[in-house]
C-alpha atoms as a PDB file:
ATOM      1  CA  MET A   1      11.450  22.807 -16.827  1.00  0.00           C
ATOM      2  CA  ASN A   2      13.027  19.709 -15.250  1.00  0.00           C
ATOM      3  CA  GLN A   3       9.662  18.763 -13.693  1.00  0.00           C
ATOM      4  CA  ASP A   4       8.028  18.750 -17.105  1.00  0.00           C
ATOM      5  CA  LEU A   5      10.842  16.678 -18.627  1.00  0.00           C
ATOM      6  CA  LEU A   6      10.619  14.129 -15.852  1.00  0.00           C
ATOM      7  CA  LYS A   7       6.793  13.831 -16.239  1.00  0.00           C
ATOM      8  CA  GLU A   8       7.197  13.422 -19.992  1.00  0.00           C
ATOM      9  CA  ILE A   9       9.775  10.596 -19.621  1.00  0.00           C
ATOM     10  CA  THR A  10       7.905   8.711 -16.863  1.00  0.00           C
ATOM     11  CA  LYS A  11       4.360   8.967 -18.217  1.00  0.00           C
ATOM     12  CA  ASP A  12       4.646   5.595 -20.026  1.00  0.00           C
ATOM     13  CA  GLN A  13       5.597   3.805 -16.735  1.00  0.00           C
ATOM     14  CA  ILE A  14       2.741   5.079 -14.646  1.00  0.00           C
ATOM     15  CA  LYS A  15      -0.064   2.479 -14.201  1.00  0.00           C
ATOM     16  CA  THR A  16      -3.550   3.458 -15.208  1.00  0.00           C
ATOM     17  CA  ASP A  17      -5.400   0.339 -14.036  1.00  0.00           C
ATOM     18  CA  THR A  18      -4.609   0.708 -10.275  1.00  0.00           C
ATOM     19  CA  VAL A  19      -7.300   0.203  -7.686  1.00  0.00           C
ATOM     20  CA  LYS A  20      -8.376   3.219  -5.665  1.00  0.00           C
ATOM     21  CA  PHE A  21      -7.441   2.872  -2.005  1.00  0.00           C
ATOM     22  CA  LYS A  22      -6.739   5.248   0.823  1.00  0.00           C
ATOM     23  CA  VAL A  23      -5.003   5.352   4.164  1.00  0.00           C
ATOM     24  CA  GLY A  24      -6.665   3.152   6.723  1.00  0.00           C
ATOM     25  CA  ASP A  25      -7.960   0.621   4.143  1.00  0.00           C
ATOM     26  CA  GLY A  26      -7.181  -3.074   4.604  1.00  0.00           C
ATOM     27  CA  VAL A  27      -5.397  -4.263   1.462  1.00  0.00           C
ATOM     28  CA  LYS A  28      -3.839  -7.344  -0.050  1.00  0.00           C
ATOM     29  CA  VAL A  29      -0.727  -6.567  -2.151  1.00  0.00           C
ATOM     30  CA  PHE A  30       0.138  -9.354  -4.668  1.00  0.00           C
ATOM     31  CA  THR A  31       3.883  -9.088  -5.351  1.00  0.00           C
ATOM     32  CA  LYS A  32       5.894 -10.948  -7.930  1.00  0.00           C
ATOM     33  CA  VAL A  33       8.890 -12.749  -6.332  1.00  0.00           C
ATOM     34  CA  ARG A  34      11.654 -14.187  -8.422  1.00  0.00           C
ATOM     35  CA  GLU A  35      13.526 -17.200  -7.039  1.00  0.00           C
ATOM     36  CA  GLY A  36      16.231 -18.313  -9.449  1.00  0.00           C
ATOM     37  CA  ASP A  37      14.411 -18.776 -12.869  1.00  0.00           C
ATOM     38  CA  LYS A  38      10.968 -19.157 -11.290  1.00  0.00           C
ATOM     39  CA  GLU A  39       8.446 -16.470 -10.527  1.00  0.00           C
ATOM     40  CA  ARG A  40       5.590 -16.690  -7.991  1.00  0.00           C
ATOM     41  CA  ILE A  41       3.081 -14.371  -6.416  1.00  0.00           C
ATOM     42  CA  GLN A  42       3.395 -13.531  -2.707  1.00  0.00           C
ATOM     43  CA  ILE A  43       0.570 -11.799  -0.756  1.00  0.00           C
ATOM     44  CA  PHE A  44       1.205  -9.115   1.877  1.00  0.00           C
ATOM     45  CA  ALA A  45      -2.004  -8.181   3.643  1.00  0.00           C
ATOM     46  CA  GLY A  46      -2.387  -5.318   6.165  1.00  0.00           C
ATOM     47  CA  ILE A  47      -3.504  -1.786   6.775  1.00  0.00           C
ATOM     48  CA  VAL A  48      -2.323   1.178   4.662  1.00  0.00           C
ATOM     49  CA  ILE A  49      -0.856   3.565   7.119  1.00  0.00           C
ATOM     50  CA  ALA A  50       0.709   6.115   4.739  1.00  0.00           C
ATOM     51  CA  ARG A  51       0.705   7.310   1.147  1.00  0.00           C
ATOM     52  CA  LYS A  52       3.513   9.622  -0.036  1.00  0.00           C
ATOM     53  CA  GLY A  53       4.766  11.254  -3.180  1.00  0.00           C
ATOM     54  CA  SER A  54       3.157  11.793  -6.586  1.00  0.00           C
ATOM     55  CA  GLY A  55       3.544  10.566 -10.157  1.00  0.00           C
ATOM     56  CA  ILE A  56       6.185   7.874 -10.655  1.00  0.00           C
ATOM     57  CA  HIS A  57       7.530   8.407  -7.108  1.00  0.00           C
ATOM     58  CA  GLU A  58       4.270   7.633  -5.252  1.00  0.00           C
ATOM     59  CA  THR A  59       4.574   4.973  -2.532  1.00  0.00           C
ATOM     60  CA  PHE A  60       2.390   3.478   0.148  1.00  0.00           C
ATOM     61  CA  THR A  61       3.210   1.790   3.428  1.00  0.00           C
ATOM     62  CA  VAL A  62       1.335  -1.364   4.606  1.00  0.00           C
ATOM     63  CA  ARG A  63       1.561  -2.518   8.189  1.00  0.00           C
ATOM     64  CA  ARG A  64       0.530  -5.876   9.667  1.00  0.00           C
ATOM     65  CA  ILE A  65       1.098  -7.889  12.815  1.00  0.00           C
ATOM     66  CA  SER A  66       3.106 -11.114  12.159  1.00  0.00           C
ATOM     67  CA  TYR A  67       3.669 -13.480  15.070  1.00  0.00           C
ATOM     68  CA  GLY A  68       3.171 -10.685  17.589  1.00  0.00           C
ATOM     69  CA  GLU A  69       5.628  -8.304  15.819  1.00  0.00           C
ATOM     70  CA  GLY A  70       4.694  -5.309  13.692  1.00  0.00           C
ATOM     71  CA  VAL A  71       5.945  -5.550  10.090  1.00  0.00           C
ATOM     72  CA  GLU A  72       5.823  -2.635   7.655  1.00  0.00           C
ATOM     73  CA  ARG A  73       6.516  -2.631   3.933  1.00  0.00           C
ATOM     74  CA  VAL A  74       6.783   0.309   1.538  1.00  0.00           C
ATOM     75  CA  PHE A  75       5.629  -0.369  -1.990  1.00  0.00           C
ATOM     76  CA  PRO A  76       5.891   1.841  -5.026  1.00  0.00           C
ATOM     77  CA  VAL A  77       2.368   2.309  -6.530  1.00  0.00           C
ATOM     78  CA  ASN A  78       3.639   2.015 -10.083  1.00  0.00           C
ATOM     79  CA  SER A  79       6.052  -0.894  -9.542  1.00  0.00           C
ATOM     80  CA  PRO A  80       6.048  -3.621 -12.207  1.00  0.00           C
ATOM     81  CA  ASN A  81       6.538  -6.143  -9.395  1.00  0.00           C
ATOM     82  CA  ILE A  82       3.115  -5.555  -7.989  1.00  0.00           C
ATOM     83  CA  ALA A  83       0.701  -7.878  -9.790  1.00  0.00           C
ATOM     84  CA  LYS A  84      -2.466  -6.360  -8.215  1.00  0.00           C
ATOM     85  CA  ILE A  85      -3.892  -4.709  -5.154  1.00  0.00           C
ATOM     86  CA  GLU A  86      -7.191  -5.788  -3.565  1.00  0.00           C
ATOM     87  CA  VAL A  87      -9.071  -3.696  -0.997  1.00  0.00           C
ATOM     88  CA  ASP A  88     -10.362  -5.986   1.799  1.00  0.00           C
ATOM     89  CA  ARG A  89     -12.084  -3.413   3.911  1.00  0.00           C
ATOM     90  CA  GLU A  90     -12.670   0.342   3.678  1.00  0.00           C
ATOM     91  CA  SER A  91     -12.186   2.741   6.494  1.00  0.00           C
ATOM     92  CA  VAL A  92     -12.971   6.272   7.495  1.00  0.00           C
ATOM     93  CA  PRO A  93      -9.472   7.701   8.319  1.00  0.00           C
ATOM     94  CA  MET A  94      -9.370  10.817  10.502  1.00  0.00           C
ATOM     95  CA  ARG A  95      -5.884  11.771   9.429  1.00  0.00           C
ATOM     96  CA  ALA A  96      -3.429  11.477   6.551  1.00  0.00           C
ATOM     97  CA  ARG A  97      -0.937   9.136   8.277  1.00  0.00           C
ATOM     98  CA  LEU A  98      -1.805   6.391  10.773  1.00  0.00           C
ATOM     99  CA  TYR A  99       1.588   6.184  12.483  1.00  0.00           C
ATOM    100  CA  TYR A 100      -0.159   6.019  15.895  1.00  0.00           C
ATOM    101  CA  LEU A 101      -0.930   2.318  15.124  1.00  0.00           C
ATOM    102  CA  ARG A 102       2.739   1.608  15.804  1.00  0.00           C
ATOM    103  CA  ASP A 103       2.219   2.201  19.486  1.00  0.00           C
ATOM    104  CA  ARG A 104      -0.769  -0.052  19.816  1.00  0.00           C
ATOM    105  CA  VAL A 105      -0.540  -3.654  21.016  1.00  0.00           C
ATOM    106  CA  GLY A 106      -2.486  -6.783  20.185  1.00  0.00           C
ATOM    107  CA  LYS A 107      -5.931  -6.680  18.566  1.00  0.00           C
ATOM    108  CA  GLU A 108      -6.135  -2.955  19.056  1.00  0.00           C
ATOM    109  CA  ALA A 109      -3.319  -2.432  16.550  1.00  0.00           C
ATOM    110  CA  THR A 110      -5.434  -3.686  13.603  1.00  0.00           C
ATOM    111  CA  LYS A 111      -8.589  -1.624  14.451  1.00  0.00           C
ATOM    112  CA  VAL A 112      -9.356   1.400  12.293  1.00  0.00           C
ATOM    113  CA  LYS A 113     -12.842   2.902  12.107  1.00  0.00           C
ATOM    114  CA  GLU A 114     -14.494   1.117   9.221  1.00  0.00           C
ATOM    115  CA  ALA A 115     -16.851   2.611   6.660  1.00  0.00           C
ATOM    116  CA  ARG A 116     -20.512   1.898   7.099  1.00  0.00           C
ATOM    117  CA  LEU A 117     -22.184   0.715   3.926  1.00  0.00           C
ATOM    118  CA  ALA A 118     -25.819   1.772   3.689  1.00  0.00           C
END
């Protein structure tokens, strides 16, 4: 009963125009950043290492290497602060979560088996 009520309340807030992407894909996430009374778009590009949840609670984690240090950010899929998501490169993931990329160093940390386009 509570699940149905929650779905009914949140159905207006779920985005329908989202881009289809999966774990392992290279993405650019365009987020809205407010600084005082100004608003600008900031890009966070990296590899999707996880997707969790469903409905209004769905999130995805993006990882990138910045100045030799691994940086991860978790974004809600249906957040109004996400302007858009672009898929840079598609991959062929062999598992649901790519947490093993955290242990990799250097160029190896950004390599995921890419999809071959015929």
